[in-house]
Amino acid sequence: MVDQNCSYCTEGDLVAKFGIKICELDTCKVYLFKEQSHKGRVIAAHKKHVGDMTELSADERSAYFEDIAKISKALQEIFNPQKINYGAYGDTGHHLHFHLVPKYANEFEWGGVFEMNSDRVYLDDAEYTELVDTIREALK
């Protein structure tokens, strides 16, 4: 099912407000979150329009979490964070997705919950392209 009001289903202008598509894995679409106060923050949106992981079969859920783990491993190798935080909210956007947020000791929000959009750090086009290319290559 595709929801025409869902940014992850329709992509285009809706998702471009906050993300840049990196690639697609078996179960999800991976986006670089434009606000980069946590360098390397990405979103993994399930390819199916479901609002909760309980709407997936056990096999679908397992495969999705394998993709989440693959993304996390790539982010750890590229950015060497002290921790990656995972957030799955969906209060307003009812499409299953996880935010993977690299966290760095003694930096912004260390030891606390990350803000959905702190509106602090945006990059120029060349910097976005470099990050997208680096993450895409690590996910091959």
Protein backbone atom coordinates (compact mmCIF):
# COMPACT_ATOMS: atom_id res chain seq x y z
CA MET A 1 0.00 0.00 0.00
CA VAL A 2 1.18 3.51 -0.80
CA ASP A 3 -0.14 6.52 1.10
CA GLN A 4 -0.14 9.59 -1.17
CA ASN A 5 0.20 11.85 1.89
CA CYS A 6 3.26 10.02 3.22
CA SER A 7 6.69 11.52 2.57
CA TYR A 8 8.36 8.08 2.57
CA CYS A 9 5.86 6.57 0.13
CA THR A 10 5.77 9.43 -2.35
CA GLU A 11 9.34 10.71 -1.85
CA GLY A 12 9.93 13.79 -3.99
CA ASP A 13 9.26 17.19 -2.43
CA LEU A 14 7.76 15.78 0.77
CA VAL A 15 10.88 13.90 1.82
CA ALA A 16 13.25 16.49 0.34
CA LYS A 17 12.20 18.92 3.08
CA PHE A 18 14.20 16.90 5.62
CA GLY A 19 16.18 14.17 3.86
CA ILE A 20 18.32 13.15 0.92
CA LYS A 21 17.95 9.61 -0.40
CA ILE A 22 21.12 7.59 -0.06
CA CYS A 23 20.00 4.20 -1.33
CA GLU A 24 17.56 1.34 -0.93
CA LEU A 25 18.35 -1.85 0.95
CA ASP A 26 16.26 -5.02 0.91
CA THR A 27 13.58 -3.71 3.29
CA CYS A 28 14.10 0.03 3.56
CA LYS A 29 14.98 3.32 1.97
CA VAL A 30 17.91 5.11 3.60
CA TYR A 31 17.98 8.91 3.84
CA LEU A 32 20.55 11.35 5.13
CA PHE A 33 18.83 13.65 7.60
CA LYS A 34 19.56 17.18 6.38
CA GLU A 35 19.98 18.61 9.87
CA GLN A 36 23.44 17.24 10.74
CA SER A 37 24.13 18.34 14.32
CA HIS A 38 24.88 14.63 14.79
CA LYS A 39 27.20 13.90 11.89
CA GLY A 40 26.01 10.87 9.97
CA ARG A 41 22.38 10.87 11.16
CA VAL A 42 20.19 8.87 8.82
CA ILE A 43 16.65 7.55 8.56
CA ALA A 44 15.74 3.99 7.55
CA ALA A 45 12.13 3.99 6.30
CA HIS A 46 10.51 0.61 5.68
CA LYS A 47 9.49 0.06 2.06
CA LYS A 48 5.99 -0.98 3.10
CA HIS A 49 3.60 1.64 4.40
CA VAL A 50 3.03 0.29 7.88
CA GLY A 51 2.67 2.36 11.02
CA ASP A 52 4.20 -0.09 13.47
CA MET A 53 6.62 -3.00 13.45
CA THR A 54 3.81 -5.27 14.70
CA GLU A 55 2.19 -4.91 11.26
CA LEU A 56 5.12 -6.82 9.73
CA SER A 57 5.46 -10.58 9.74
CA ALA A 58 8.21 -12.02 11.94
CA ASP A 59 10.37 -12.59 8.86
CA GLU A 60 9.78 -9.04 7.57
CA ARG A 61 10.60 -7.59 10.99
CA SER A 62 13.76 -9.68 11.25
CA ALA A 63 14.90 -8.63 7.79
CA TYR A 64 14.23 -4.97 8.60
CA PHE A 65 16.32 -5.16 11.75
CA GLU A 66 19.12 -6.81 9.77
CA ASP A 67 19.10 -3.75 7.52
CA ILE A 68 19.09 -1.45 10.57
CA ALA A 69 22.12 -3.35 11.91
CA LYS A 70 23.87 -3.06 8.52
CA ILE A 71 23.32 0.71 8.50
CA SER A 72 24.52 1.02 12.10
CA LYS A 73 27.69 -0.92 11.34
CA ALA A 74 28.42 1.31 8.35
CA LEU A 75 27.89 4.47 10.44
CA GLN A 76 30.16 3.12 13.17
CA GLU A 77 32.90 2.36 10.65
CA ILE A 78 32.63 5.75 8.92
CA PHE A 79 32.09 8.11 11.85
CA ASN A 80 33.42 6.22 14.87
CA PRO A 81 30.77 7.49 17.32
CA GLN A 82 30.75 6.45 20.96
CA LYS A 83 27.12 5.35 20.55
CA ILE A 84 24.35 5.23 18.02
CA ASN A 85 20.90 6.16 19.29
CA TYR A 86 17.84 4.68 17.62
CA GLY A 87 14.50 6.47 17.50
CA ALA A 88 11.22 5.20 16.08
CA TYR A 89 8.46 7.68 16.72
CA GLY A 90 5.82 8.14 14.04
CA ASP A 91 3.37 10.20 16.09
CA THR A 92 2.67 12.43 13.12
CA GLY A 93 4.19 10.45 10.24
CA HIS A 94 2.58 7.02 10.44
CA HIS A 95 5.20 5.15 8.41
CA LEU A 96 7.63 2.80 10.15
CA HIS A 97 11.06 4.41 10.20
CA PHE A 98 14.07 4.58 12.47
CA HIS A 99 16.39 7.51 13.04
CA LEU A 100 19.97 6.29 13.52
CA VAL A 101 21.80 9.06 15.35
CA PRO A 102 25.57 8.85 15.93
CA LYS A 103 26.42 10.37 19.31
CA TYR A 104 29.83 11.65 20.37
CA ALA A 105 31.02 12.00 23.98
CA ASN A 106 31.27 15.56 25.30
CA GLU A 107 29.38 16.95 22.29
CA PHE A 108 25.87 18.19 21.60
CA GLU A 109 23.21 16.22 23.53
CA TRP A 110 25.61 13.56 24.86
CA GLY A 111 23.91 11.69 27.68
CA GLY A 112 20.43 12.78 26.65
CA VAL A 113 17.73 12.19 24.09
CA PHE A 114 18.36 13.67 20.67
CA GLU A 115 16.05 16.40 19.41
CA MET A 116 13.95 15.56 16.39
CA ASN A 117 15.28 18.63 14.58
CA SER A 118 17.56 20.93 16.51
CA ASP A 119 17.84 23.20 13.44
CA ARG A 120 21.52 23.85 14.20
CA VAL A 121 23.73 22.37 11.48
CA TYR A 122 23.07 22.36 7.75
CA LEU A 123 25.64 21.60 5.07
CA ASP A 124 26.32 22.87 1.60
CA ASP A 125 25.53 20.75 -1.45
CA ALA A 126 29.09 19.44 -1.79
CA GLU A 127 29.18 18.32 1.85
CA TYR A 128 25.82 16.55 1.50
CA THR A 129 27.01 14.83 -1.66
CA GLU A 130 30.20 13.65 0.04
CA LEU A 131 28.29 12.23 3.04
CA VAL A 132 25.70 10.52 0.83
CA ASP A 133 28.39 8.98 -1.38
CA THR A 134 30.44 7.80 1.61
CA ILE A 135 27.47 6.13 3.31
CA ARG A 136 26.16 4.64 0.04
CA GLU A 137 29.55 3.08 -0.65
CA ALA A 138 29.74 1.59 2.85
CA LEU A 139 26.29 0.02 2.40
CA LYS A 140 27.15 -1.83 -0.82
